[in-house]
PDB file of N, CA and C in Angstrom:
ATOM      1  N   MET A   1      16.890   2.582 -11.136  1.00  0.00           N
ATOM      2  CA  MET A   1      15.915   3.515 -10.609  1.00  0.00           C
ATOM      3  C   MET A   1      14.784   3.653 -11.628  1.00  0.00           C
ATOM      4  N   PRO A   2      13.513   3.530 -11.162  1.00  0.00           N
ATOM      5  CA  PRO A   2      12.404   3.624 -12.104  1.00  0.00           C
ATOM      6  C   PRO A   2      12.268   5.049 -12.640  1.00  0.00           C
ATOM      7  N   PRO A   3      11.641   5.185 -13.798  1.00  0.00           N
ATOM      8  CA  PRO A   3      11.468   6.526 -14.355  1.00  0.00           C
ATOM      9  C   PRO A   3      10.540   7.349 -13.481  1.00  0.00           C
ATOM     10  N   PRO A   4      10.684   8.669 -13.480  1.00  0.00           N
ATOM     11  CA  PRO A   4       9.816   9.506 -12.650  1.00  0.00           C
ATOM     12  C   PRO A   4       8.381   9.409 -13.133  1.00  0.00           C
ATOM     13  N   ARG A   5       7.477   9.457 -12.196  1.00  0.00           N
ATOM     14  CA  ARG A   5       6.065   9.348 -12.523  1.00  0.00           C
ATOM     15  C   ARG A   5       5.403  10.717 -12.444  1.00  0.00           C
ATOM     16  N   ILE A   6       4.477  10.927 -13.306  1.00  0.00           N
ATOM     17  CA  ILE A   6       3.757  12.184 -13.339  1.00  0.00           C
ATOM     18  C   ILE A   6       2.472  12.016 -12.558  1.00  0.00           C
ATOM     19  N   ARG A   7       2.186  12.972 -11.681  1.00  0.00           N
ATOM     20  CA  ARG A   7       0.991  12.894 -10.845  1.00  0.00           C
ATOM     21  C   ARG A   7      -0.250  12.848 -11.725  1.00  0.00           C
ATOM     22  N   GLY A   8      -1.159  11.918 -11.397  1.00  0.00           N
ATOM     23  CA  GLY A   8      -2.399  11.791 -12.127  1.00  0.00           C
ATOM     24  C   GLY A   8      -2.300  10.881 -13.336  1.00  0.00           C
ATOM     25  N   GLN A   9      -1.137  10.402 -13.646  1.00  0.00           N
ATOM     26  CA  GLN A   9      -0.966   9.519 -14.792  1.00  0.00           C
ATOM     27  C   GLN A   9      -1.279   8.096 -14.367  1.00  0.00           C
ATOM     28  N   ALA A  10      -2.024   7.395 -15.149  1.00  0.00           N
ATOM     29  CA  ALA A  10      -2.437   6.042 -14.804  1.00  0.00           C
ATOM     30  C   ALA A  10      -1.227   5.115 -14.766  1.00  0.00           C
ATOM     31  N   ALA A  11      -1.334   4.060 -13.967  1.00  0.00           N
ATOM     32  CA  ALA A  11      -0.217   3.137 -13.778  1.00  0.00           C
ATOM     33  C   ALA A  11       0.179   2.458 -15.079  1.00  0.00           C
ATOM     34  N   ASP A  12      -0.805   2.082 -15.923  1.00  0.00           N
ATOM     35  CA  ASP A  12      -0.443   1.413 -17.171  1.00  0.00           C
ATOM     36  C   ASP A  12       0.155   2.390 -18.177  1.00  0.00           C
ATOM     37  N   GLU A  13      -0.154   3.682 -18.068  1.00  0.00           N
ATOM     38  CA  GLU A  13       0.456   4.669 -18.947  1.00  0.00           C
ATOM     39  C   GLU A  13       1.908   4.909 -18.563  1.00  0.00           C
ATOM     40  N   VAL A  14       2.204   4.840 -17.261  1.00  0.00           N
ATOM     41  CA  VAL A  14       3.563   5.065 -16.779  1.00  0.00           C
ATOM     42  C   VAL A  14       4.476   3.944 -17.242  1.00  0.00           C
ATOM     43  N   SER A  15       3.995   2.707 -17.123  1.00  0.00           N
ATOM     44  CA  SER A  15       4.840   1.574 -17.480  1.00  0.00           C
ATOM     45  C   SER A  15       4.941   1.387 -18.983  1.00  0.00           C
ATOM     46  N   GLY A  16       4.075   2.065 -19.729  1.00  0.00           N
ATOM     47  CA  GLY A  16       4.137   1.965 -21.176  1.00  0.00           C
ATOM     48  C   GLY A  16       3.393   0.768 -21.727  1.00  0.00           C
ATOM     49  N   GLY A  17       2.658   0.069 -20.913  1.00  0.00           N
ATOM     50  CA  GLY A  17       1.922  -1.102 -21.374  1.00  0.00           C
ATOM     51  C   GLY A  17       0.592  -1.201 -20.668  1.00  0.00           C
ATOM     52  N   SER A  18       0.001  -2.357 -20.774  1.00  0.00           N
ATOM     53  CA  SER A  18      -1.254  -2.588 -20.088  1.00  0.00           C
ATOM     54  C   SER A  18      -1.114  -3.854 -19.261  1.00  0.00           C
ATOM     55  N   LEU A  19      -2.094  -4.088 -18.427  1.00  0.00           N
ATOM     56  CA  LEU A  19      -2.070  -5.274 -17.594  1.00  0.00           C
ATOM     57  C   LEU A  19      -2.217  -6.522 -18.456  1.00  0.00           C
ATOM     58  N   PRO A  20      -1.424  -7.560 -18.205  1.00  0.00           N
ATOM     59  CA  PRO A  20      -1.561  -8.780 -18.999  1.00  0.00           C
ATOM     60  C   PRO A  20      -2.841  -9.512 -18.639  1.00  0.00           C
ATOM     61  N   ILE A  21      -3.569  -9.936 -19.630  1.00  0.00           N
ATOM     62  CA  ILE A  21      -4.799 -10.688 -19.418  1.00  0.00           C
ATOM     63  C   ILE A  21      -4.577 -12.079 -19.965  1.00  0.00           C
ATOM     64  N   GLN A  22      -4.679 -13.074 -19.093  1.00  0.00           N
ATOM     65  CA  GLN A  22      -4.488 -14.464 -19.486  1.00  0.00           C
ATOM     66  C   GLN A  22      -5.808 -15.013 -20.009  1.00  0.00           C
ATOM     67  N   PRO A  23      -5.810 -15.612 -21.183  1.00  0.00           N
ATOM     68  CA  PRO A  23      -7.060 -16.189 -21.688  1.00  0.00           C
ATOM     69  C   PRO A  23      -7.471 -17.397 -20.847  1.00  0.00           C
ATOM     70  N   SER A  24      -8.758 -17.509 -20.609  1.00  0.00           N
ATOM     71  CA  SER A  24      -9.259 -18.647 -19.856  1.00  0.00           C
ATOM     72  C   SER A  24     -10.632 -19.017 -20.395  1.00  0.00           C
ATOM     73  N   VAL A  25     -11.218 -20.061 -19.816  1.00  0.00           N
ATOM     74  CA  VAL A  25     -12.519 -20.530 -20.277  1.00  0.00           C
ATOM     75  C   VAL A  25     -13.584 -19.471 -20.037  1.00  0.00           C
ATOM     76  N   GLY A  26     -13.609 -18.893 -18.849  1.00  0.00           N
ATOM     77  CA  GLY A  26     -14.572 -17.849 -18.502  1.00  0.00           C
ATOM     78  C   GLY A  26     -13.991 -16.475 -18.745  1.00  0.00           C
ATOM     79  N   GLY A  27     -13.509 -16.193 -19.919  1.00  0.00           N
ATOM     80  CA  GLY A  27     -12.777 -14.972 -20.236  1.00  0.00           C
ATOM     81  C   GLY A  27     -13.554 -13.696 -19.994  1.00  0.00           C
ATOM     82  N   SER A  28     -14.854 -13.674 -20.268  1.00  0.00           N
ATOM     83  CA  SER A  28     -15.608 -12.432 -20.136  1.00  0.00           C
ATOM     84  C   SER A  28     -15.685 -11.986 -18.681  1.00  0.00           C
ATOM     85  N   SER A  29     -15.831 -12.913 -17.758  1.00  0.00           N
ATOM     86  CA  SER A  29     -15.889 -12.582 -16.339  1.00  0.00           C
ATOM     87  C   SER A  29     -14.543 -12.054 -15.850  1.00  0.00           C
ATOM     88  N   GLN A  30     -13.466 -12.712 -16.284  1.00  0.00           N
ATOM     89  CA  GLN A  30     -12.129 -12.287 -15.870  1.00  0.00           C
ATOM     90  C   GLN A  30     -11.803 -10.923 -16.464  1.00  0.00           C
ATOM     91  N   THR A  31     -12.151 -10.694 -17.714  1.00  0.00           N
ATOM     92  CA  THR A  31     -11.901  -9.405 -18.358  1.00  0.00           C
ATOM     93  C   THR A  31     -12.667  -8.308 -17.649  1.00  0.00           C
ATOM     94  N   LYS A  32     -13.881  -8.589 -17.250  1.00  0.00           N
ATOM     95  CA  LYS A  32     -14.706  -7.610 -16.523  1.00  0.00           C
ATOM     96  C   LYS A  32     -14.066  -7.267 -15.180  1.00  0.00           C
ATOM     97  N   GLN A  33     -13.527  -8.269 -14.478  1.00  0.00           N
ATOM     98  CA  GLN A  33     -12.867  -8.029 -13.196  1.00  0.00           C
ATOM     99  C   GLN A  33     -11.614  -7.194 -13.379  1.00  0.00           C
ATOM    100  N   VAL A  34     -10.825  -7.477 -14.421  1.00  0.00           N
ATOM    101  CA  VAL A  34      -9.603  -6.724 -14.680  1.00  0.00           C
ATOM    102  C   VAL A  34      -9.938  -5.277 -14.994  1.00  0.00           C
ATOM    103  N   GLU A  35     -10.958  -5.041 -15.787  1.00  0.00           N
ATOM    104  CA  GLU A  35     -11.368  -3.671 -16.111  1.00  0.00           C
ATOM    105  C   GLU A  35     -11.833  -2.929 -14.866  1.00  0.00           C
ATOM    106  N   THR A  36     -12.554  -3.614 -13.971  1.00  0.00           N
ATOM    107  CA  THR A  36     -13.007  -2.989 -12.725  1.00  0.00           C
ATOM    108  C   THR A  36     -11.824  -2.613 -11.856  1.00  0.00           C
ATOM    109  N   ILE A  37     -10.844  -3.504 -11.749  1.00  0.00           N
ATOM    110  CA  ILE A  37      -9.654  -3.225 -10.938  1.00  0.00           C
ATOM    111  C   ILE A  37      -8.862  -2.070 -11.543  1.00  0.00           C
ATOM    112  N   LYS A  38      -8.752  -2.035 -12.874  1.00  0.00           N
ATOM    113  CA  LYS A  38      -8.034  -0.939 -13.519  1.00  0.00           C
ATOM    114  C   LYS A  38      -8.692   0.403 -13.212  1.00  0.00           C
ATOM    115  N   LYS A  39     -10.022   0.433 -13.170  1.00  0.00           N
ATOM    116  CA  LYS A  39     -10.732   1.675 -12.846  1.00  0.00           C
ATOM    117  C   LYS A  39     -10.430   2.110 -11.409  1.00  0.00           C
ATOM    118  N   LEU A  40     -10.323   1.143 -10.511  1.00  0.00           N
ATOM    119  CA  LEU A  40     -10.081   1.466  -9.102  1.00  0.00           C
ATOM    120  C   LEU A  40      -8.677   1.999  -8.858  1.00  0.00           C
ATOM    121  N   VAL A  41      -7.678   1.434  -9.509  1.00  0.00           N
ATOM    122  CA  VAL A  41      -6.288   1.776  -9.213  1.00  0.00           C
ATOM    123  C   VAL A  41      -5.638   2.686 -10.242  1.00  0.00           C
ATOM    124  N   SER A  42      -6.333   3.071 -11.281  1.00  0.00           N
ATOM    125  CA  SER A  42      -5.703   3.857 -12.339  1.00  0.00           C
ATOM    126  C   SER A  42      -5.278   5.241 -11.852  1.00  0.00           C
ATOM    127  N   GLY A  43      -5.962   5.818 -10.890  1.00  0.00           N
ATOM    128  CA  GLY A  43      -5.605   7.150 -10.401  1.00  0.00           C
ATOM    129  C   GLY A  43      -4.505   7.139  -9.360  1.00  0.00           C
ATOM    130  N   TYR A  44      -4.148   5.963  -8.830  1.00  0.00           N
ATOM    131  CA  TYR A  44      -3.129   5.885  -7.784  1.00  0.00           C
ATOM    132  C   TYR A  44      -1.745   5.902  -8.405  1.00  0.00           C
ATOM    133  N   CYS A  45      -0.912   6.782  -7.890  1.00  0.00           N
ATOM    134  CA  CYS A  45       0.461   6.878  -8.376  1.00  0.00           C
ATOM    135  C   CYS A  45       1.378   6.990  -7.157  1.00  0.00           C
ATOM    136  N   ALA A  46       2.199   5.979  -6.927  1.00  0.00           N
ATOM    137  CA  ALA A  46       3.077   5.960  -5.757  1.00  0.00           C
ATOM    138  C   ALA A  46       4.315   6.806  -6.027  1.00  0.00           C
ATOM    139  N   VAL A  47       4.201   8.097  -5.770  1.00  0.00           N
ATOM    140  CA  VAL A  47       5.311   9.004  -6.017  1.00  0.00           C
ATOM    141  C   VAL A  47       6.258   9.008  -4.825  1.00  0.00           C
ATOM    142  N   ARG A  48       5.708   9.037  -3.629  1.00  0.00           N
ATOM    143  CA  ARG A  48       6.523   9.074  -2.416  1.00  0.00           C
ATOM    144  C   ARG A  48       6.224   7.847  -1.574  1.00  0.00           C
ATOM    145  N   PHE A  49       7.218   7.001  -1.392  1.00  0.00           N
ATOM    146  CA  PHE A  49       7.004   5.790  -0.612  1.00  0.00           C
ATOM    147  C   PHE A  49       7.517   5.928   0.814  1.00  0.00           C
ATOM    148  N   GLU A  50       8.201   7.020   1.134  1.00  0.00           N
ATOM    149  CA  GLU A  50       8.775   7.177   2.470  1.00  0.00           C
ATOM    150  C   GLU A  50       7.689   7.176   3.546  1.00  0.00           C
ATOM    151  N   PHE A  51       6.527   7.730   3.219  1.00  0.00           N
ATOM    152  CA  PHE A  51       5.430   7.768   4.180  1.00  0.00           C
ATOM    153  C   PHE A  51       4.987   6.358   4.549  1.00  0.00           C
ATOM    154  N   GLU A  52       4.915   5.471   3.566  1.00  0.00           N
ATOM    155  CA  GLU A  52       4.507   4.096   3.831  1.00  0.00           C
ATOM    156  C   GLU A  52       5.505   3.403   4.755  1.00  0.00           C
ATOM    157  N   VAL A  53       6.784   3.602   4.530  1.00  0.00           N
ATOM    158  CA  VAL A  53       7.814   3.001   5.374  1.00  0.00           C
ATOM    159  C   VAL A  53       7.676   3.519   6.804  1.00  0.00           C
ATOM    160  N   PHE A  54       7.460   4.820   6.942  1.00  0.00           N
ATOM    161  CA  PHE A  54       7.281   5.416   8.269  1.00  0.00           C
ATOM    162  C   PHE A  54       6.051   4.834   8.964  1.00  0.00           C
ATOM    163  N   GLU A  55       4.947   4.702   8.250  1.00  0.00           N
ATOM    164  CA  GLU A  55       3.719   4.175   8.844  1.00  0.00           C
ATOM    165  C   GLU A  55       3.877   2.729   9.301  1.00  0.00           C
ATOM    166  N   TYR A  56       4.531   1.896   8.490  1.00  0.00           N
ATOM    167  CA  TYR A  56       4.747   0.507   8.905  1.00  0.00           C
ATOM    168  C   TYR A  56       5.657   0.432  10.127  1.00  0.00           C
ATOM    169  N   GLY A  57       6.655   1.278  10.178  1.00  0.00           N
ATOM    170  CA  GLY A  57       7.524   1.316  11.357  1.00  0.00           C
ATOM    171  C   GLY A  57       6.774   1.741  12.602  1.00  0.00           C
ATOM    172  N   ARG A  58       5.901   2.728  12.453  1.00  0.00           N
ATOM    173  CA  ARG A  58       5.095   3.203  13.584  1.00  0.00           C
ATOM    174  C   ARG A  58       4.152   2.115  14.071  1.00  0.00           C
ATOM    175  N   LYS A  59       3.513   1.417  13.141  1.00  0.00           N
ATOM    176  CA  LYS A  59       2.590   0.345  13.527  1.00  0.00           C
ATOM    177  C   LYS A  59       3.325  -0.793  14.244  1.00  0.00           C
ATOM    178  N   LEU A  60       4.497  -1.138  13.743  1.00  0.00           N
ATOM    179  CA  LEU A  60       5.282  -2.172  14.417  1.00  0.00           C
ATOM    180  C   LEU A  60       5.702  -1.726  15.814  1.00  0.00           C
ATOM    181  N   ALA A  61       6.045  -0.450  15.960  1.00  0.00           N
ATOM    182  CA  ALA A  61       6.434   0.058  17.277  1.00  0.00           C
ATOM    183  C   ALA A  61       5.273  -0.022  18.253  1.00  0.00           C
ATOM    184  N   VAL A  62       4.070   0.310  17.798  1.00  0.00           N
ATOM    185  CA  VAL A  62       2.897   0.272  18.678  1.00  0.00           C
ATOM    186  C   VAL A  62       2.597  -1.157  19.116  1.00  0.00           C
ATOM    187  N   VAL A  63       2.796  -2.114  18.239  1.00  0.00           N
ATOM    188  CA  VAL A  63       2.440  -3.499  18.549  1.00  0.00           C
ATOM    189  C   VAL A  63       3.566  -4.236  19.269  1.00  0.00           C
ATOM    190  N   CYS A  64       4.818  -4.012  18.860  1.00  0.00           N
ATOM    191  CA  CYS A  64       5.920  -4.845  19.349  1.00  0.00           C
ATOM    192  C   CYS A  64       6.695  -4.254  20.525  1.00  0.00           C
ATOM    193  N   MET A  65       6.873  -2.969  20.579  1.00  0.00           N
ATOM    194  CA  MET A  65       7.721  -2.364  21.613  1.00  0.00           C
ATOM    195  C   MET A  65       7.165  -2.459  23.036  1.00  0.00           C
ATOM    196  N   PRO A  66       5.846  -2.441  23.247  1.00  0.00           N
ATOM    197  CA  PRO A  66       5.354  -2.563  24.626  1.00  0.00           C
ATOM    198  C   PRO A  66       5.737  -3.867  25.318  1.00  0.00           C
ATOM    199  N   VAL A  67       6.223  -4.846  24.592  1.00  0.00           N
ATOM    200  CA  VAL A  67       6.667  -6.111  25.191  1.00  0.00           C
ATOM    201  C   VAL A  67       7.811  -5.871  26.165  1.00  0.00           C
ATOM    202  N   PHE A  68       8.601  -4.822  25.922  1.00  0.00           N
ATOM    203  CA  PHE A  68       9.761  -4.546  26.754  1.00  0.00           C
ATOM    204  C   PHE A  68       9.422  -3.775  28.026  1.00  0.00           C
ATOM    205  N   PHE A  69       8.161  -3.410  28.188  1.00  0.00           N
ATOM    206  CA  PHE A  69       7.706  -2.727  29.416  1.00  0.00           C
ATOM    207  C   PHE A  69       6.952  -3.717  30.286  1.00  0.00           C
ATOM    208  N   PRO A  70       6.859  -3.462  31.581  1.00  0.00           N
ATOM    209  CA  PRO A  70       6.076  -4.362  32.452  1.00  0.00           C
ATOM    210  C   PRO A  70       4.614  -4.412  32.000  1.00  0.00           C
ATOM    211  N   PRO A  71       4.007  -5.597  32.025  1.00  0.00           N
ATOM    212  CA  PRO A  71       2.615  -5.739  31.564  1.00  0.00           C
ATOM    213  C   PRO A  71       1.647  -4.882  32.375  1.00  0.00           C
ATOM    214  N   GLY A  72       0.786  -4.159  31.665  1.00  0.00           N
ATOM    215  CA  GLY A  72      -0.238  -3.351  32.312  1.00  0.00           C
ATOM    216  C   GLY A  72       0.276  -2.098  32.988  1.00  0.00           C
ATOM    217  N   SER A  73       1.531  -1.717  32.747  1.00  0.00           N
ATOM    218  CA  SER A  73       2.090  -0.546  33.427  1.00  0.00           C
ATOM    219  C   SER A  73       1.719   0.742  32.701  1.00  0.00           C
ATOM    220  N   ASN A  74       1.909   1.831  33.420  1.00  0.00           N
ATOM    221  CA  ASN A  74       1.673   3.149  32.820  1.00  0.00           C
ATOM    222  C   ASN A  74       2.706   3.432  31.731  1.00  0.00           C
ATOM    223  N   ALA A  75       3.888   2.845  31.823  1.00  0.00           N
ATOM    224  CA  ALA A  75       4.920   3.068  30.812  1.00  0.00           C
ATOM    225  C   ALA A  75       4.459   2.546  29.446  1.00  0.00           C
ATOM    226  N   GLN A  76       3.791   1.389  29.447  1.00  0.00           N
ATOM    227  CA  GLN A  76       3.245   0.863  28.199  1.00  0.00           C
ATOM    228  C   GLN A  76       2.242   1.834  27.586  1.00  0.00           C
ATOM    229  N   LEU A  77       1.349   2.311  28.400  1.00  0.00           N
ATOM    230  CA  LEU A  77       0.314   3.221  27.927  1.00  0.00           C
ATOM    231  C   LEU A  77       0.908   4.522  27.398  1.00  0.00           C
ATOM    232  N   ILE A  78       1.830   5.079  28.140  1.00  0.00           N
ATOM    233  CA  ILE A  78       2.441   6.340  27.732  1.00  0.00           C
ATOM    234  C   ILE A  78       3.246   6.166  26.438  1.00  0.00           C
ATOM    235  N   PHE A  79       3.969   5.060  26.339  1.00  0.00           N
ATOM    236  CA  PHE A  79       4.734   4.797  25.120  1.00  0.00           C
ATOM    237  C   PHE A  79       3.818   4.702  23.908  1.00  0.00           C
ATOM    238  N   ASP A  80       2.743   3.938  24.027  1.00  0.00           N
ATOM    239  CA  ASP A  80       1.805   3.796  22.913  1.00  0.00           C
ATOM    240  C   ASP A  80       1.157   5.113  22.549  1.00  0.00           C
ATOM    241  N   LEU A  81       0.806   5.901  23.511  1.00  0.00           N
ATOM    242  CA  LEU A  81       0.206   7.201  23.223  1.00  0.00           C
ATOM    243  C   LEU A  81       1.191   8.139  22.531  1.00  0.00           C
ATOM    244  N   MET A  82       2.462   8.063  22.922  1.00  0.00           N
ATOM    245  CA  MET A  82       3.470   8.926  22.282  1.00  0.00           C
ATOM    246  C   MET A  82       3.727   8.481  20.846  1.00  0.00           C
ATOM    247  N   VAL A  83       3.728   7.184  20.587  1.00  0.00           N
ATOM    248  CA  VAL A  83       3.988   6.690  19.237  1.00  0.00           C
ATOM    249  C   VAL A  83       2.793   6.970  18.318  1.00  0.00           C
ATOM    250  N   CYS A  84       1.615   6.857  18.864  1.00  0.00           N
ATOM    251  CA  CYS A  84       0.413   7.127  18.026  1.00  0.00           C
ATOM    252  C   CYS A  84       0.400   8.579  17.648  1.00  0.00           C
TER     253      CYS A  84
END
Protein backbone atom coordinates (compact mmCIF):
# COMPACT_ATOMS: atom_id res chain seq x y z
CA MET A 1 0.00 0.00 0.00
CA PRO A 2 1.46 3.39 -0.97
CA PRO A 3 2.13 5.94 1.75
CA PRO A 4 -0.69 8.41 2.45
CA ARG A 5 -0.51 11.59 0.45
CA ILE A 6 -1.00 15.04 1.83
CA ARG A 7 -3.37 17.30 -0.07
CA GLY A 8 -1.53 20.00 -2.00
CA GLN A 9 1.80 18.22 -1.85
CA ALA A 10 3.54 17.92 -5.19
CA ALA A 11 3.88 14.48 -6.76
CA ASP A 12 7.69 14.53 -6.69
CA GLU A 13 7.67 15.56 -3.01
CA VAL A 14 5.40 12.62 -2.14
CA SER A 15 7.59 10.06 -3.86
CA GLY A 16 10.70 11.54 -2.29
CA GLY A 17 12.44 12.12 -5.60
CA SER A 18 12.19 13.97 -8.83
CA LEU A 19 11.32 13.00 -12.35
CA PRO A 20 14.18 11.23 -14.14
CA ILE A 21 15.63 13.26 -16.97
CA GLN A 22 17.45 11.29 -19.65
CA PRO A 23 20.35 13.17 -21.24
CA SER A 24 20.03 13.63 -24.97
CA VAL A 25 21.47 15.69 -27.80
CA GLY A 26 18.76 18.37 -27.55
CA GLY A 27 18.82 18.43 -23.74
CA SER A 28 17.70 22.03 -23.24
CA SER A 29 14.44 21.50 -25.15
CA GLN A 30 13.68 18.26 -23.30
CA THR A 31 14.50 19.84 -19.93
CA LYS A 32 12.19 22.75 -20.74
CA GLN A 33 9.36 20.34 -21.61
CA VAL A 34 9.86 18.36 -18.39
CA GLU A 35 9.78 21.55 -16.31
CA THR A 36 6.57 22.66 -18.08
CA ILE A 37 4.92 19.29 -17.40
CA LYS A 38 6.02 19.40 -13.76
CA LYS A 39 4.35 22.81 -13.39
CA LEU A 40 1.12 21.45 -14.87
CA VAL A 41 0.85 18.30 -12.74
CA SER A 42 2.59 19.32 -9.51
CA GLY A 43 -0.68 20.37 -7.82
CA TYR A 44 -2.52 17.14 -8.72
CA CYS A 45 -2.67 14.58 -5.96
CA ALA A 46 -4.69 11.39 -6.52
CA VAL A 47 -6.03 10.87 -3.02
CA ARG A 48 -9.30 9.17 -3.95
CA PHE A 49 -9.36 6.93 -6.99
CA GLU A 50 -12.83 5.44 -6.42
CA PHE A 51 -14.42 8.30 -8.35
CA GLU A 52 -12.33 7.51 -11.43
CA VAL A 53 -13.36 3.84 -11.32
CA PHE A 54 -17.02 4.86 -11.02
CA GLU A 55 -16.73 7.29 -13.94
CA TYR A 56 -15.11 4.72 -16.24
CA GLY A 57 -17.81 2.21 -15.35
CA ARG A 58 -20.52 4.77 -16.08
CA LYS A 59 -18.98 5.67 -19.44
CA LEU A 60 -18.73 2.01 -20.42
CA ALA A 61 -22.36 1.48 -19.42
CA VAL A 62 -23.50 4.40 -21.59
CA VAL A 63 -21.58 3.12 -24.61
CA CYS A 64 -21.84 -0.68 -24.28
CA MET A 65 -25.11 -1.55 -22.52
CA PRO A 66 -27.53 -0.14 -25.14
CA VAL A 67 -26.43 -2.99 -27.43
CA PHE A 68 -28.72 -5.27 -25.43
CA PHE A 69 -31.80 -3.16 -26.21
CA PRO A 70 -33.61 -3.04 -29.57
CA PRO A 71 -31.98 -0.48 -31.91
CA GLY A 72 -33.60 2.94 -31.82
CA SER A 73 -36.04 1.98 -29.05
CA ASN A 74 -37.22 4.13 -26.20
CA ALA A 75 -35.60 1.64 -23.80
CA GLN A 76 -32.17 2.59 -25.14
CA LEU A 77 -32.88 6.26 -24.67
CA ILE A 78 -34.30 5.86 -21.19
CA PHE A 79 -31.40 3.65 -20.09
CA ASP A 80 -28.82 6.16 -21.31
CA LEU A 81 -30.61 9.04 -19.65
CA MET A 82 -30.78 7.15 -16.35
CA VAL A 83 -27.08 6.26 -16.45
CA CYS A 84 -26.02 9.80 -17.34
